[in-house]
Protein backbone atom coordinates (compact mmCIF):
# COMPACT_ATOMS: atom_id res chain seq x y z
CA MET A 1 -12.99 -6.71 -21.39
CA TRP A 2 -14.65 -6.64 -17.97
CA LEU A 3 -15.81 -3.06 -17.45
CA VAL A 4 -16.76 -1.43 -14.17
CA THR A 5 -20.12 0.27 -14.51
CA PRO A 6 -22.59 1.43 -11.86
CA ALA A 7 -24.33 -1.93 -12.16
CA ASN A 8 -21.33 -4.12 -11.58
CA ARG A 9 -19.44 -1.76 -9.30
CA VAL A 10 -20.89 -3.66 -6.34
CA ARG A 11 -19.20 -6.80 -7.65
CA VAL A 12 -15.88 -4.99 -7.51
CA THR A 13 -16.29 -4.16 -3.84
CA ARG A 14 -16.95 -7.82 -3.10
CA VAL A 15 -13.91 -9.22 -4.91
CA LYS A 16 -11.37 -6.42 -4.73
CA TRP A 17 -9.83 -7.52 -1.44
CA HIS A 18 -9.50 -11.03 -2.88
CA ASP A 19 -7.78 -9.51 -5.92
CA ASN A 20 -5.42 -7.67 -3.61
CA ASP A 21 -4.71 -10.90 -1.73
CA ASP A 22 -3.67 -12.58 -4.98
CA ASP A 23 -1.29 -9.74 -5.80
CA ASP A 24 0.09 -9.83 -2.26
CA ASP A 25 0.76 -13.58 -2.50
CA PHE A 26 2.61 -13.19 -5.80
CA HIS A 27 4.53 -10.24 -4.34
CA HIS A 28 5.52 -12.44 -1.41
CA GLY A 29 6.82 -15.17 -3.68
CA ARG A 30 8.74 -12.78 -5.90
CA GLN A 31 10.57 -11.11 -3.02
CA GLY A 32 10.95 -14.37 -1.14
CA ASP A 33 12.90 -15.77 -4.06
CA GLY A 34 15.50 -13.07 -3.60
CA GLY A 35 15.91 -14.19 0.00
CA LEU A 36 16.07 -17.86 -0.93
CA SER A 37 18.87 -17.20 -3.39
CA SER A 38 21.22 -15.93 -0.69
CA ARG A 39 20.99 -19.31 1.08
CA ARG A 40 21.87 -21.40 -1.99
CA ILE A 41 24.93 -19.54 -3.33
CA PRO A 42 27.64 -21.82 -1.82
CA TYR A 43 25.75 -24.97 -2.81
CA ILE A 44 25.33 -23.83 -6.42
CA ALA A 45 29.00 -22.87 -6.62
CA GLU A 46 30.06 -26.31 -5.41
CA GLU A 47 27.73 -28.44 -7.53
CA LEU A 48 28.07 -26.46 -10.78
CA GLU A 49 31.80 -25.87 -10.24
CA ALA A 50 31.27 -22.13 -10.62
CA SER A 51 33.02 -19.20 -9.01
CA PRO A 52 31.20 -17.45 -6.15
CA LEU A 53 31.20 -14.28 -8.26
CA SER A 54 29.32 -15.93 -11.14
CA VAL A 55 26.80 -17.42 -8.71
CA THR A 56 26.32 -14.04 -7.03
CA LEU A 57 25.67 -12.66 -10.51
CA THR A 58 22.49 -14.75 -10.66
CA THR A 59 21.11 -12.82 -7.69
CA ALA A 60 22.41 -9.43 -8.82
CA LEU A 61 20.83 -9.78 -12.27
CA TYR A 62 17.61 -11.02 -10.69
CA ILE A 63 17.35 -7.84 -8.61
CA LEU A 64 18.29 -5.70 -11.61
CA LEU A 65 15.66 -7.28 -13.87
CA THR A 66 12.93 -6.93 -11.24
CA GLY A 67 13.60 -3.21 -11.43
CA ILE A 68 13.69 -2.96 -15.22
CA ALA A 69 11.04 -5.46 -16.38
CA PRO A 70 8.08 -3.70 -14.66
CA VAL A 71 8.80 -0.71 -16.91
CA PHE A 72 7.59 -2.76 -19.88
CA TRP A 73 4.78 -4.54 -18.01
CA GLY A 74 3.39 -1.21 -16.82
CA SER A 75 3.53 0.43 -20.24
CA ILE A 76 1.80 -2.52 -21.91
CA SER A 77 -0.88 -2.64 -19.21
CA ASP A 78 -1.84 1.03 -19.38
CA TYR A 79 -1.70 1.22 -23.18
CA TYR A 80 -3.68 -1.92 -24.00
CA LYS A 81 -5.98 -1.51 -20.98
CA ILE A 82 -5.37 -4.99 -19.57
CA ARG A 83 -4.32 -6.37 -16.18
CA ARG A 84 -5.34 -10.00 -15.80
CA PRO A 85 -3.79 -11.41 -19.01
CA LEU A 86 -0.42 -9.90 -18.13
CA VAL A 87 -0.47 -11.37 -14.62
CA LEU A 88 -1.33 -14.81 -16.01
CA VAL A 89 1.36 -14.65 -18.70
CA SER A 90 3.96 -13.49 -16.20
CA LEU A 91 3.09 -16.33 -13.82
CA VAL A 92 3.46 -18.88 -16.61
CA ILE A 93 6.88 -17.40 -17.45
CA PHE A 94 7.86 -17.54 -13.79
CA CYS A 95 6.75 -21.15 -13.29
CA ILE A 96 8.37 -22.52 -16.46
CA SER A 97 11.68 -20.72 -15.93
CA THR A 98 11.78 -21.82 -12.28
CA VAL A 99 11.19 -25.47 -13.15
CA VAL A 100 13.90 -25.44 -15.82
CA ALA A 101 16.30 -23.60 -13.48
CA GLY A 102 15.93 -26.44 -11.02
CA VAL A 103 17.37 -29.00 -13.45
CA VAL A 104 20.18 -27.08 -15.20
CA SER A 105 23.78 -28.19 -14.87
CA ASN A 106 25.50 -25.07 -16.20
CA ILE A 107 25.97 -21.79 -14.35
CA TRP A 108 25.47 -19.62 -17.45
CA ALA A 109 22.20 -21.34 -18.28
CA LEU A 110 21.13 -20.68 -14.70
CA ILE A 111 22.01 -17.00 -15.06
CA VAL A 112 19.87 -16.68 -18.20
CA LEU A 113 16.96 -18.51 -16.56
CA ARG A 114 17.18 -16.29 -13.49
CA CYS A 115 16.81 -13.27 -15.76
CA VAL A 116 13.73 -14.81 -17.38
CA GLN A 117 12.40 -15.74 -13.95
CA ALA A 118 12.80 -12.16 -12.73
CA THR A 119 10.92 -10.87 -15.77
CA GLY A 120 7.97 -13.08 -14.94
CA ALA A 121 8.10 -12.44 -11.21
CA SER A 122 8.11 -8.65 -11.50
CA CYS A 123 4.84 -8.06 -13.34
CA THR A 124 2.69 -7.29 -10.30
CA LEU A 125 5.15 -4.67 -9.08
CA ALA A 126 3.61 -2.46 -11.76
CA VAL A 127 0.31 -4.08 -12.71
CA GLY A 128 -0.65 -4.72 -9.08
CA ALA A 129 -0.68 -0.99 -8.35
CA GLY A 130 -2.87 -0.51 -11.42
CA ILE A 131 -5.32 -3.10 -10.11
CA ILE A 132 -5.56 -1.19 -6.84
CA ALA A 133 -6.24 2.01 -8.79
CA ASP A 134 -9.00 0.20 -10.70
CA CYS A 135 -10.75 -1.33 -7.69
CA PHE A 136 -10.26 1.13 -4.84
CA ALA A 137 -11.37 4.72 -4.46
CA VAL A 138 -8.78 7.26 -3.38
CA GLU A 139 -10.18 7.20 0.14
CA GLU A 140 -9.47 3.46 0.41
CA ARG A 141 -6.07 3.16 -1.24
CA GLY A 142 -3.98 3.70 1.87
CA ALA A 143 -5.18 0.44 3.39
CA ALA A 144 -5.08 -1.33 0.02
CA PHE A 145 -1.48 -0.37 -0.68
CA SER A 146 -0.49 -1.40 2.83
CA GLN A 147 -1.75 -4.91 2.20
CA PHE A 148 -0.28 -4.96 -1.31
CA PHE A 149 3.22 -4.02 -0.16
CA TYR A 150 3.14 -6.35 2.81
CA GLY A 151 4.29 -9.21 0.60
CA LEU A 152 7.10 -7.07 -0.75
CA PHE A 153 8.32 -6.34 2.78
CA VAL A 154 7.93 -9.82 4.24
CA GLY A 155 9.32 -11.76 1.28
CA PRO A 156 13.01 -10.86 1.78
CA LEU A 157 12.70 -11.68 5.47
CA VAL A 158 10.83 -14.98 5.20
CA GLY A 159 12.81 -16.13 2.16
CA PRO A 160 16.11 -16.76 3.98
CA VAL A 161 14.30 -18.66 6.72
CA ILE A 162 12.55 -20.97 4.26
CA GLY A 163 15.64 -21.24 2.07
CA GLY A 164 17.82 -22.20 5.00
CA GLY A 165 15.61 -25.20 5.65
CA LEU A 166 15.20 -26.25 2.02
CA ILE A 167 18.92 -26.35 1.26
CA MET A 168 19.37 -28.94 4.02
CA LEU A 169 17.26 -31.41 2.02
CA PRO A 170 19.05 -33.96 -0.22
CA SER A 171 18.35 -31.87 -3.34
CA THR A 172 19.97 -28.81 -1.65
CA TRP A 173 19.64 -25.65 -3.75
CA ARG A 174 17.38 -27.29 -6.31
CA ALA A 175 14.74 -27.74 -3.59
CA THR A 176 14.31 -23.97 -3.45
CA PHE A 177 13.34 -23.94 -7.12
CA TRP A 178 10.89 -26.82 -6.62
CA PHE A 179 9.29 -24.90 -3.76
CA LEU A 180 9.00 -21.72 -5.83
CA SER A 181 7.55 -23.67 -8.76
CA ALA A 182 4.82 -25.12 -6.57
CA TYR A 183 4.14 -21.75 -4.98
CA GLY A 184 3.93 -20.02 -8.36
CA LEU A 185 1.58 -22.69 -9.69
CA CYS A 186 -0.76 -22.22 -6.73
CA ILE A 187 -0.86 -18.47 -7.34
CA LEU A 188 -1.44 -19.05 -11.06
CA PHE A 189 -4.56 -21.10 -10.33
CA ALA A 190 -5.74 -18.56 -7.75
CA VAL A 191 -5.39 -15.67 -10.20
CA PHE A 192 -7.08 -17.64 -12.99
CA PHE A 193 -10.15 -18.50 -10.93
CA VAL A 194 -10.45 -15.43 -8.68
CA LEU A 195 -8.99 -12.35 -10.38
CA PRO A 196 -11.24 -10.68 -13.00
CA GLU A 197 -10.13 -8.09 -15.52
CA THR A 198 -10.24 -4.85 -13.54
CA TYR A 199 -9.17 -2.28 -16.12
CA ARG A 200 -12.11 -0.31 -17.50
CA VAL A 201 -12.72 2.51 -19.90
CA GLU A 202 -11.86 5.87 -18.38
CA ASN A 203 -14.98 7.58 -19.65
CA LEU A 204 -18.30 5.77 -19.28
CA SER A 205 -21.60 7.15 -20.46
CA GLU A 206 -24.47 6.11 -18.22
CA ASN A 207 -27.89 7.64 -19.01
CA GLY A 208 -26.19 10.63 -20.54
CA ILE A 209 -23.83 11.16 -17.58
CA VAL A 210 -20.08 10.96 -18.13
CA ILE A 211 -18.21 9.17 -15.37
CA ASP A 212 -14.48 9.98 -15.32
CA ASP A 213 -12.50 7.00 -14.08
CA ILE A 214 -14.38 6.62 -10.83
CA SER A 215 -11.81 4.75 -8.79
CA SER A 216 -8.71 6.38 -10.26
CA SER A 217 -9.82 9.98 -10.14
CA SER A 218 -8.85 11.96 -7.09
CA SER A 219 -12.17 13.82 -7.25
CA THR A 220 -14.49 11.03 -6.13
CA SER A 221 -17.06 12.41 -3.72
CA ASP A 222 -18.62 10.58 -0.81
CA GLU A 223 -21.99 10.70 -2.61
CA GLU A 224 -20.53 8.99 -5.69
CA LEU A 225 -18.89 6.33 -3.56
CA GLY A 226 -22.14 5.71 -1.75
CA TYR A 227 -24.05 5.41 -5.01
CA TYR A 228 -21.64 3.19 -6.83
CA MET A 229 -20.39 1.04 -3.99
CA LYS A 230 -23.05 0.71 -1.30
CA ASP A 231 -26.59 0.86 -2.69
CA GLU A 232 -26.81 -2.51 -4.42
CA LYS A 233 -30.58 -2.50 -4.86
CA ALA A 234 -30.63 0.91 -6.47
CA VAL A 235 -27.76 0.01 -8.70
CA SER A 236 -29.22 -3.28 -9.87
CA SER A 237 -32.50 -1.59 -10.83
CA GLU A 238 -30.82 0.98 -13.05
CA LYS A 239 -31.23 0.54 -16.78
CA GLN A 240 -27.96 -0.21 -18.52
CA GLU A 241 -26.88 2.00 -21.39
CA PRO A 242 -24.13 1.37 -23.94
CA VAL A 243 -20.61 2.11 -22.81
CA SER A 244 -18.30 3.96 -25.15
CA GLU A 245 -14.53 3.92 -25.04
CA THR A 246 -12.34 6.94 -25.37
CA PRO A 247 -9.73 6.40 -28.08
CA ARG A 248 -6.10 6.28 -27.06
CA SER A 249 -4.46 9.68 -27.18
CA HIS A 250 -0.86 8.51 -27.22
CA SER A 251 1.19 5.84 -28.91
CA MET A 252 2.71 2.85 -27.18
CA ASN A 253 6.00 3.66 -25.45
CA PRO A 254 7.49 0.60 -23.71
CA VAL A 255 10.04 2.68 -21.79
CA GLU A 256 7.65 5.42 -20.70
CA PRO A 257 8.25 4.86 -16.95
CA PHE A 258 11.92 5.77 -17.50
CA PHE A 259 10.89 9.14 -18.86
CA MET A 260 8.30 9.68 -16.13
CA LEU A 261 11.18 10.28 -13.76
CA ARG A 262 11.78 13.58 -15.54
CA HIS A 263 8.74 14.93 -13.71
CA PRO A 264 9.97 16.37 -10.38
CA PHE A 265 7.04 15.11 -8.31
CA VAL A 266 7.50 11.55 -9.66
CA LEU A 267 11.24 11.62 -9.04
CA MET A 268 10.83 12.98 -5.50
CA ALA A 269 8.14 10.51 -4.43
CA SER A 270 10.06 7.62 -5.97
CA THR A 271 13.25 8.69 -4.20
CA ILE A 272 11.50 8.81 -0.81
CA SER A 273 10.26 5.27 -1.38
CA GLY A 274 13.64 4.14 -2.69
CA VAL A 275 15.63 5.45 0.28
CA ALA A 276 13.32 3.76 2.79
CA PHE A 277 13.42 0.44 0.93
CA GLY A 278 17.15 0.63 0.20
CA ALA A 279 18.01 1.28 3.85
CA MET A 280 16.07 -1.82 4.83
CA TYR A 281 17.94 -3.91 2.26
CA ALA A 282 21.27 -2.47 3.41
CA VAL A 283 20.65 -3.53 7.01
CA GLU A 284 19.45 -6.94 5.90
CA THR A 285 22.66 -7.35 3.88
CA ILE A 286 25.06 -6.60 6.73
CA MET A 287 22.98 -8.35 9.39
CA PRO A 288 24.13 -11.99 8.89
CA SER A 289 27.86 -11.27 9.05
CA LEU A 290 27.47 -8.90 12.00
CA TYR A 291 25.37 -11.39 13.96
CA GLN A 292 27.91 -14.09 13.26
CA GLN A 293 30.80 -11.86 14.32
CA HIS A 294 29.25 -10.48 17.51
CA TYR A 295 26.83 -13.19 18.66
CA GLY A 296 28.00 -16.37 16.97
CA PHE A 297 24.87 -16.73 14.84
CA VAL A 298 25.89 -18.72 11.76
CA ALA A 299 24.33 -17.03 8.74
CA TRP A 300 23.87 -20.20 6.68
CA GLN A 301 22.04 -21.88 9.55
CA THR A 302 19.12 -19.47 9.23
CA GLY A 303 16.00 -21.47 8.56
CA TRP A 304 17.25 -24.74 10.08
CA PHE A 305 14.18 -24.96 12.23
CA LEU A 306 12.31 -26.19 9.13
CA TYR A 307 14.82 -29.00 8.77
CA THR A 308 14.52 -29.74 12.48
CA SER A 309 10.93 -30.81 12.01
CA LEU A 310 12.12 -33.33 9.41
CA CYS A 311 15.32 -34.69 10.97
CA GLY A 312 15.15 -33.62 14.61
CA ASN A 313 18.89 -33.03 14.94
CA ILE A 314 19.13 -29.27 15.41
CA SER A 315 19.15 -27.80 18.89
CA LEU A 316 16.51 -25.47 20.26
CA THR A 317 19.22 -22.86 20.85
CA SER A 318 20.07 -22.83 17.13
CA PHE A 319 16.39 -22.42 16.31
CA VAL A 320 15.95 -19.50 18.72
CA ASN A 321 19.12 -17.68 17.68
CA THR A 322 18.64 -17.95 13.94
CA GLY A 323 14.90 -17.37 14.01
CA LEU A 324 15.14 -14.21 16.11
CA THR A 325 17.24 -12.45 13.47
CA PHE A 326 14.16 -12.18 11.26
CA LEU A 327 11.45 -12.12 13.93
CA GLY A 328 11.90 -8.44 14.69
CA ALA A 329 11.68 -7.36 11.06
CA GLY A 330 8.58 -9.43 10.43
CA LEU A 331 6.91 -7.97 13.50
CA GLY A 332 7.86 -4.44 12.44
CA ASN A 333 6.44 -4.94 8.96
CA THR A 334 3.21 -6.27 10.39
CA LEU A 335 2.81 -3.41 12.87
CA GLY A 336 3.63 -0.83 10.21
CA THR A 337 1.06 -2.33 7.87
CA VAL A 338 -1.64 -2.32 10.56
CA ILE A 339 -0.88 1.27 11.58
CA ASN A 340 -0.90 2.44 7.99
CA SER A 341 -4.11 0.59 7.15
CA VAL A 342 -5.94 2.12 10.09
CA SER A 343 -4.61 5.67 9.96
CA SER A 344 -3.69 6.78 6.44
CA ASP A 345 -7.14 6.93 4.86
CA GLN A 346 -8.65 8.54 7.95
CA LEU A 347 -5.94 11.20 8.00
CA LEU A 348 -6.55 11.89 4.32
CA LEU A 349 -10.27 12.44 4.93
CA ARG A 350 -9.50 14.66 7.93
CA SER A 351 -7.33 16.91 5.77
CA ARG A 352 -10.19 17.27 3.31
CA ARG A 353 -12.69 18.13 6.01
CA ARG A 354 -10.41 20.86 7.35
CA ARG A 355 -10.53 22.53 3.93
CA GLY A 356 -14.27 22.24 3.68
CA GLY A 357 -14.20 19.16 1.45
CA GLU A 358 -11.65 20.48 -1.04
CA GLU A 359 -9.58 17.61 -2.40
CA ARG A 360 -5.83 17.65 -2.99
CA VAL A 361 -3.60 14.82 -4.13
CA GLU A 362 -0.99 15.77 -1.52
CA ASP A 363 -3.47 14.76 1.18
CA ARG A 364 -2.14 11.24 0.61
CA LEU A 365 1.15 12.37 2.20
CA THR A 366 -0.45 12.06 5.61
CA LEU A 367 0.71 13.16 9.04
CA ASN A 368 2.10 9.76 10.03
CA LEU A 369 4.91 10.10 7.47
CA TRP A 370 6.73 12.75 9.48
CA PRO A 371 7.39 10.76 12.68
CA SER A 372 8.11 7.72 10.49
CA GLY A 373 10.90 9.42 8.54
CA VAL A 374 12.23 11.90 11.08
CA VAL A 375 12.19 9.70 14.20
CA ILE A 376 11.19 6.06 13.73
CA VAL A 377 13.43 4.94 10.84
CA PRO A 378 16.57 6.80 12.05
CA LEU A 379 15.98 5.58 15.61
CA GLY A 380 15.68 2.00 14.40
CA LEU A 381 18.84 2.31 12.31
CA LEU A 382 20.90 3.72 15.19
CA LEU A 383 19.49 1.16 17.62
CA PHE A 384 20.61 -1.55 15.23
CA GLY A 385 24.15 -0.27 14.62
CA TRP A 386 25.55 1.12 17.85
CA PRO A 387 24.68 -1.77 20.21
CA LEU A 388 26.71 -3.97 17.87
CA VAL A 389 29.66 -1.60 18.25
CA PHE A 390 29.49 -1.92 22.04
CA ASN A 391 28.66 -5.65 21.98
CA LEU A 392 25.36 -5.23 23.79
CA SER A 393 22.61 -7.85 23.82
CA TYR A 394 21.35 -9.05 20.43
CA TRP A 395 17.89 -7.89 21.47
CA TYR A 396 18.87 -4.28 20.74
CA PRO A 397 19.60 -4.73 17.01
CA ILE A 398 16.62 -7.05 16.65
CA ILE A 399 14.31 -4.42 18.16
CA GLY A 400 16.07 -1.68 16.19
CA PHE A 401 15.47 -3.43 12.86
CA SER A 402 11.85 -3.94 13.87
CA ILE A 403 11.42 -0.22 14.61
CA GLN A 404 13.05 0.69 11.31
CA ASN A 405 10.59 -1.50 9.42
CA ILE A 406 7.60 0.09 11.14
CA GLY A 407 8.56 3.45 9.66
CA MET A 408 9.77 2.06 6.33
CA VAL A 409 6.38 0.48 5.60
CA GLN A 410 4.59 3.80 5.95
CA LEU A 411 7.09 5.83 3.93
CA MET A 412 7.23 3.41 1.05
CA THR A 413 3.52 2.63 0.92
CA LEU A 414 2.17 6.17 0.99
CA SER A 415 4.73 7.67 -1.38
CA SER A 416 3.83 4.97 -3.91
CA ALA A 417 0.10 5.48 -3.36
CA TYR A 418 0.62 9.22 -3.89
CA LEU A 419 1.92 8.60 -7.42
CA VAL A 420 -1.10 6.47 -8.32
CA ASP A 421 -3.43 9.19 -7.01
CA ALA A 422 -1.51 11.91 -8.85
CA MET A 423 -1.65 10.16 -12.24
CA PRO A 424 -5.20 8.83 -12.83
CA GLY A 425 -5.34 6.08 -15.41
CA ARG A 426 -1.56 5.61 -15.30
CA GLY A 427 -1.32 3.50 -12.15
CA ALA A 428 0.79 0.69 -13.61
CA THR A 429 3.19 3.06 -15.35
CA SER A 430 3.73 5.26 -12.30
CA ALA A 431 4.25 2.18 -10.12
CA ALA A 432 6.88 0.92 -12.57
CA ALA A 433 8.74 4.23 -12.32
CA ALA A 434 8.70 4.08 -8.52
CA ASN A 435 9.82 0.45 -8.56
CA LEU A 436 12.75 1.33 -10.81
CA MET A 437 13.98 3.87 -8.26
CA ARG A 438 13.38 1.47 -5.36
CA ASN A 439 15.45 -1.26 -6.92
CA THR A 440 18.16 1.20 -7.90
CA PHE A 441 18.55 2.39 -4.31
CA ALA A 442 18.31 -1.19 -3.01
CA ALA A 443 21.01 -2.36 -5.42
CA ILE A 444 23.37 0.54 -4.66
CA LEU A 445 22.96 0.43 -0.88
CA THR A 446 23.22 -3.36 -0.85
CA LEU A 447 26.43 -3.15 -2.87
CA VAL A 448 28.12 -0.60 -0.59
CA SER A 449 26.73 -1.67 2.79
CA ASN A 450 29.22 -4.45 3.55
CA PRO A 451 32.31 -2.42 2.52
CA MET A 452 31.00 0.50 4.60
CA SER A 453 30.37 -1.73 7.60
CA ASP A 454 33.83 -3.30 7.32
CA THR A 455 35.54 0.09 7.00
CA MET A 456 33.49 2.34 9.29
CA GLY A 457 31.75 -0.13 11.54
CA PRO A 458 28.00 -0.73 11.85
CA GLY A 459 27.48 2.35 14.01
CA TRP A 460 28.63 4.96 11.51
CA THR A 461 27.11 2.98 8.64
CA THR A 462 23.69 3.35 10.22
CA VAL A 463 24.41 7.04 10.90
CA LEU A 464 24.89 7.56 7.15
CA LEU A 465 21.71 5.63 6.40
CA ALA A 466 19.84 7.76 8.95
CA ALA A 467 21.23 10.93 7.34
CA LEU A 468 20.06 9.69 3.95
CA THR A 469 16.60 9.15 5.42
CA TRP A 470 16.54 12.70 6.82
CA TRP A 471 17.55 13.99 3.39
CA SER A 472 14.59 12.15 1.84
CA MET A 473 12.32 13.79 4.41
CA GLY A 474 13.50 17.14 3.07
CA LEU A 475 12.21 15.98 -0.32
CA LEU A 476 8.93 15.02 1.33
CA PHE A 477 8.62 18.52 2.80
CA LEU A 478 9.16 20.09 -0.62
CA LEU A 479 6.70 17.68 -2.23
CA LYS A 480 4.04 18.42 0.37
CA LEU A 481 4.56 22.17 0.01
CA TYR A 482 5.03 22.51 -3.75
CA GLY A 483 3.36 19.34 -5.01
CA PRO A 484 0.41 21.08 -6.71
CA ARG A 485 2.73 23.44 -8.59
CA LEU A 486 5.04 20.60 -9.63
CA ARG A 487 2.14 18.53 -10.90
CA GLN A 488 0.74 21.51 -12.78
CA TRP A 489 4.12 22.16 -14.38
CA SER A 490 4.22 18.51 -15.49
CA GLY A 491 0.65 18.57 -16.78
CA TYR A 492 -0.92 16.40 -14.06
CA ALA A 493 -2.73 19.06 -12.02
């Protein structure tokens, strides 16, 4: 096991952003596959002579399994104190199942393989957060989580664009699986050669001094960070002493993240993240049909600009129209990530300074969350829905979806980072619990969004989504105010 000690802590600071890049790339591929699947449904139904419902089931079960499987990955990771082996195993599972899925000729075999594929693709949703907890101090995790979740946000938006081009190739829907196989193989090699084992013993004895989980503990002082992360010469000259491991205090529980939701602070933070993510998925679900109805954008043409470069027979107008539907969201995700990376950690440190250096886990729920949830996300939702009702320019919903994503990034990132800070040494498990709630909200809101839009119209649909966001901000207020008491009641104070 590769342990982080004062002597090799410097090595962690040099490679940790590369580790985070690997997780981000895998995140991107995992979420991008969900977007690719929406492009290939009619082609699979035709070639495999399957009903549209059974083909849709492949996507529905994929989303469901990406919410459930991290529960087991996270429990195994935290109990056996491993990260890297699980990521490698999951990537192998993903690559093999994707290759086989590309050659099947039976819809039920494809459904089973999609479930296996989702199991492999979902590992970093839990283990990735644990890697961040291992490598980054509390004061750095805001920026780290922003980069980590960037792949999760961009994947569903880039996936349909890429998928739309791939299905126009002679191999149609099978080309999407070949692409994902190649992508997964590249990430597998990157993880194998770049990512070290980051999990380390929680209690290290160095020259008689006990170090309590340096990067996971919320009580890391600036002096400790300076000693362990900056002064390489001093660190390298220190004499190494044996490292002892604290025995496990609890038995293996593969479904522990399910039961973590019984803690109020875990449930509240996970719900805040889930509402923000689910609202984004709901808008993305109703967007293709609404754009086709109001602006004549053909949903299945999305991504044709990739095919244009190969065949040269698609007009520039088609490229502009279909590409713009996802341009706004991608820009919003990028801006939200940049804002969060720059501001969240600084706002956390400012809160500490105002209390004379006293640390509190709730400092992670920084000031930028309030305008994000109260103003930015609801404004973006309403700006998306009501211009469609009045048949205004397509620029309004594009800009509205972009604004929504700016706020969504900050809400989802910081609420997830809060759980990792609040539960030292349980980063993968807490991330799995949050992911379960995220996927639950995404699945429910995705399921009801189209019927709501057809019945009520896009305007009132976005009003309800905005109201749900305001309700989640009420939970954020309670969590900020009573978080210490709730954590103490749950035994995590």
